[in-house]
C-alpha atoms as a PDB file:
ATOM      1  CA  UNK A   1     -81.346  -0.359-286.902  1.00  0.00           C
ATOM      2  CA  UNK A   2     -82.466   0.521-290.121  1.00  0.00           C
ATOM      3  CA  UNK A   3     -85.029  -1.261-292.465  1.00  0.00           C
ATOM      4  CA  UNK A   4     -84.589  -2.228-295.652  1.00  0.00           C
ATOM      5  CA  UNK A   5     -87.327   0.459-297.070  1.00  0.00           C
ATOM      6  CA  UNK A   6     -85.131   3.069-294.953  1.00  0.00           C
ATOM      7  CA  UNK A   7     -81.731   1.803-296.858  1.00  0.00           C
ATOM      8  CA  UNK A   8     -83.486   2.127-300.410  1.00  0.00           C
ATOM      9  CA  UNK A   9     -84.789   5.189-299.475  1.00  0.00           C
ATOM     10  CA  UNK A  10     -81.239   6.416-298.335  1.00  0.00           C
ATOM     11  CA  UNK A  11     -79.689   4.762-301.791  1.00  0.00           C
ATOM     12  CA  UNK A  12     -82.246   6.505-303.853  1.00  0.00           C
ATOM     13  CA  UNK A  13     -81.746   9.784-302.537  1.00  0.00           C
ATOM     14  CA  UNK A  14     -77.746   9.696-302.815  1.00  0.00           C
ATOM     15  CA  UNK A  15     -77.594   7.540-305.897  1.00  0.00           C
ATOM     16  CA  UNK A  16     -75.834  10.363-307.919  1.00  0.00           C
ATOM     17  CA  UNK A  17     -73.154  10.530-305.109  1.00  0.00           C
ATOM     18  CA  UNK A  18     -72.666   7.054-304.985  1.00  0.00           C
ATOM     19  CA  UNK A  19     -72.415   6.696-308.621  1.00  0.00           C
ATOM     20  CA  UNK A  20     -69.602   9.554-308.333  1.00  0.00           C
ATOM     21  CA  UNK A  21     -67.997   7.869-305.317  1.00  0.00           C
ATOM     22  CA  UNK A  22     -67.710   4.550-307.277  1.00  0.00           C
ATOM     23  CA  UNK A  23     -66.314   6.316-310.542  1.00  0.00           C
ATOM     24  CA  UNK A  24     -69.604   5.630-312.656  1.00  0.00           C
ATOM     25  CA  UNK A  25     -70.394   9.005-313.232  1.00  0.00           C
ATOM     26  CA  UNK A  26     -69.151  11.103-316.388  1.00  0.00           C
ATOM     27  CA  UNK A  27     -65.486  13.152-315.459  1.00  0.00           C
ATOM     28  CA  UNK A  28     -67.282  16.373-316.525  1.00  0.00           C
ATOM     29  CA  UNK A  29     -69.971  16.144-314.378  1.00  0.00           C
ATOM     30  CA  UNK A  30     -68.024  14.968-311.251  1.00  0.00           C
ATOM     31  CA  UNK A  31     -65.142  17.333-312.006  1.00  0.00           C
ATOM     32  CA  UNK A  32     -67.539  20.438-313.164  1.00  0.00           C
ATOM     33  CA  UNK A  33     -70.271  20.151-311.091  1.00  0.00           C
ATOM     34  CA  UNK A  34     -68.954  19.055-307.886  1.00  0.00           C
ATOM     35  CA  UNK A  35     -65.232  19.435-308.133  1.00  0.00           C
ATOM     36  CA  UNK A  36     -65.489  23.022-309.219  1.00  0.00           C
ATOM     37  CA  UNK A  37     -69.409  24.765-308.884  1.00  0.00           C
ATOM     38  CA  UNK A  38     -70.273  23.104-305.685  1.00  0.00           C
ATOM     39  CA  UNK A  39     -66.596  23.085-304.046  1.00  0.00           C
ATOM     40  CA  UNK A  40     -66.690  27.054-304.601  1.00  0.00           C
ATOM     41  CA  UNK A  41     -69.931  27.510-302.910  1.00  0.00           C
ATOM     42  CA  UNK A  42     -68.719  25.748-300.077  1.00  0.00           C
ATOM     43  CA  UNK A  43     -65.607  27.650-299.778  1.00  0.00           C
ATOM     44  CA  UNK A  44     -67.381  30.720-300.528  1.00  0.00           C
ATOM     45  CA  UNK A  45     -69.994  29.548-297.508  1.00  0.00           C
ATOM     46  CA  UNK A  46     -67.227  28.819-295.092  1.00  0.00           C
ATOM     47  CA  UNK A  47     -65.854  32.303-296.289  1.00  0.00           C
ATOM     48  CA  UNK A  48     -68.688  34.099-294.442  1.00  0.00           C
ATOM     49  CA  UNK A  49     -68.152  32.331-291.070  1.00  0.00           C
ATOM     50  CA  UNK A  50     -64.593  34.486-291.462  1.00  0.00           C
ATOM     51  CA  UNK A  51     -66.233  37.840-292.143  1.00  0.00           C
ATOM     52  CA  UNK A  52     -69.250  37.306-289.944  1.00  0.00           C
ATOM     53  CA  UNK A  53     -67.478  35.834-286.981  1.00  0.00           C
ATOM     54  CA  UNK A  54     -68.690  32.583-286.212  1.00  0.00           C
ATOM     55  CA  UNK A  55     -66.234  30.465-284.422  1.00  0.00           C
ATOM     56  CA  UNK A  56     -68.306  27.255-283.963  1.00  0.00           C
ATOM     57  CA  UNK A  57     -70.129  27.162-287.467  1.00  0.00           C
ATOM     58  CA  UNK A  58     -66.540  27.469-288.738  1.00  0.00           C
ATOM     59  CA  UNK A  59     -65.453  24.696-286.823  1.00  0.00           C
ATOM     60  CA  UNK A  60     -68.471  22.453-288.133  1.00  0.00           C
ATOM     61  CA  UNK A  61     -67.544  23.962-291.870  1.00  0.00           C
ATOM     62  CA  UNK A  62     -63.912  23.180-291.505  1.00  0.00           C
ATOM     63  CA  UNK A  63     -64.872  19.456-290.570  1.00  0.00           C
ATOM     64  CA  UNK A  64     -67.654  19.306-293.572  1.00  0.00           C
ATOM     65  CA  UNK A  65     -64.952  21.082-296.251  1.00  0.00           C
ATOM     66  CA  UNK A  66     -62.588  18.663-294.957  1.00  0.00           C
ATOM     67  CA  UNK A  67     -64.652  15.500-295.861  1.00  0.00           C
ATOM     68  CA  UNK A  68     -66.389  16.978-298.601  1.00  0.00           C
ATOM     69  CA  UNK A  69     -62.633  17.554-300.268  1.00  0.00           C
ATOM     70  CA  UNK A  70     -61.851  13.834-299.292  1.00  0.00           C
ATOM     71  CA  UNK A  71     -65.222  12.421-301.300  1.00  0.00           C
ATOM     72  CA  UNK A  72     -64.374  14.762-304.351  1.00  0.00           C
ATOM     73  CA  UNK A  73     -60.914  13.694-304.500  1.00  0.00           C
ATOM     74  CA  UNK A  74     -61.877  10.507-304.532  1.00  0.00           C
ATOM     75  CA  UNK A  75     -64.723  10.385-307.086  1.00  0.00           C
ATOM     76  CA  UNK A  76     -62.642  12.711-309.452  1.00  0.00           C
ATOM     77  CA  UNK A  77     -59.962  10.188-309.241  1.00  0.00           C
ATOM     78  CA  UNK A  78     -62.069   7.080-309.892  1.00  0.00           C
ATOM     79  CA  UNK A  79     -64.133   8.852-312.721  1.00  0.00           C
ATOM     80  CA  UNK A  80     -60.835   9.890-314.361  1.00  0.00           C
ATOM     81  CA  UNK A  81     -59.796   6.072-314.342  1.00  0.00           C
ATOM     82  CA  UNK A  82     -62.417   5.336-316.918  1.00  0.00           C
ATOM     83  CA  UNK A  83     -61.224   8.214-319.260  1.00  0.00           C
ATOM     84  CA  UNK A  84     -57.720   7.870-321.239  1.00  0.00           C
ATOM     85  CA  UNK A  85     -57.175  11.563-322.435  1.00  0.00           C
ATOM     86  CA  UNK A  86     -55.028  14.227-321.300  1.00  0.00           C
ATOM     87  CA  UNK A  87     -58.203  15.871-319.509  1.00  0.00           C
ATOM     88  CA  UNK A  88     -58.375  12.910-316.961  1.00  0.00           C
ATOM     89  CA  UNK A  89     -55.159  13.544-315.780  1.00  0.00           C
ATOM     90  CA  UNK A  90     -55.459  17.528-315.899  1.00  0.00           C
ATOM     91  CA  UNK A  91     -58.551  16.767-313.640  1.00  0.00           C
ATOM     92  CA  UNK A  92     -56.177  14.787-311.423  1.00  0.00           C
ATOM     93  CA  UNK A  93     -53.662  17.302-310.731  1.00  0.00           C
ATOM     94  CA  UNK A  94     -55.997  20.098-310.210  1.00  0.00           C
ATOM     95  CA  UNK A  95     -58.028  18.053-308.156  1.00  0.00           C
ATOM     96  CA  UNK A  96     -54.967  17.181-305.848  1.00  0.00           C
ATOM     97  CA  UNK A  97     -53.798  20.960-306.270  1.00  0.00           C
ATOM     98  CA  UNK A  98     -57.350  21.774-304.648  1.00  0.00           C
ATOM     99  CA  UNK A  99     -57.049  19.205-302.180  1.00  0.00           C
ATOM    100  CA  UNK A 100     -53.659  20.551-300.845  1.00  0.00           C
ATOM    101  CA  UNK A 101     -54.819  24.347-300.795  1.00  0.00           C
ATOM    102  CA  UNK A 102     -57.801  23.119-298.496  1.00  0.00           C
ATOM    103  CA  UNK A 103     -55.548  21.251-296.277  1.00  0.00           C
ATOM    104  CA  UNK A 104     -53.172  23.860-295.940  1.00  0.00           C
ATOM    105  CA  UNK A 105     -56.783  26.426-295.256  1.00  0.00           C
ATOM    106  CA  UNK A 106     -57.976  23.239-292.955  1.00  0.00           C
ATOM    107  CA  UNK A 107     -54.798  23.411-290.908  1.00  0.00           C
ATOM    108  CA  UNK A 108     -53.960  26.966-290.390  1.00  0.00           C
ATOM    109  CA  UNK A 109     -57.786  27.994-289.446  1.00  0.00           C
ATOM    110  CA  UNK A 110     -57.854  25.084-287.155  1.00  0.00           C
ATOM    111  CA  UNK A 111     -54.672  26.573-285.567  1.00  0.00           C
ATOM    112  CA  UNK A 112     -56.202  29.644-285.347  1.00  0.00           C
ATOM    113  CA  UNK A 113     -59.298  28.217-284.112  1.00  0.00           C
ATOM    114  CA  UNK A 114     -57.813  26.304-281.233  1.00  0.00           C
ATOM    115  CA  UNK A 115     -56.375  29.516-280.049  1.00  0.00           C
ATOM    116  CA  UNK A 116     -59.601  31.529-279.915  1.00  0.00           C
ATOM    117  CA  UNK A 117     -61.135  28.765-278.046  1.00  0.00           C
ATOM    118  CA  UNK A 118     -58.355  28.225-275.883  1.00  0.00           C
ATOM    119  CA  UNK A 119     -57.709  31.416-275.197  1.00  0.00           C
ATOM    120  CA  UNK A 120     -54.251  31.913-276.537  1.00  0.00           C
END
């Protein structure tokens, strides 16, 4: 069981991410900083596992990319709720399109990895 001191340290360490999850961060910072820049960095990092075959690393990155996509989808959706402009609607639509794209990548790569792992 974690002590209160450890919990407070973790809360401070991840305060920006917690703020984004609750929709309290500015939409621009969430969308551009994490939704675009960081997502593309993670996708590029994942792409390296395809060109330099590391099936186990790819498997872990697939899980991480899926979880990150879910987190950023919620964070952008909630942050956009505070802003009533066409930009908030556009941010939501682009994020849903990103999530759909990542979902397809995850599903098809996961099928290929399963065939690799199980020898088919």
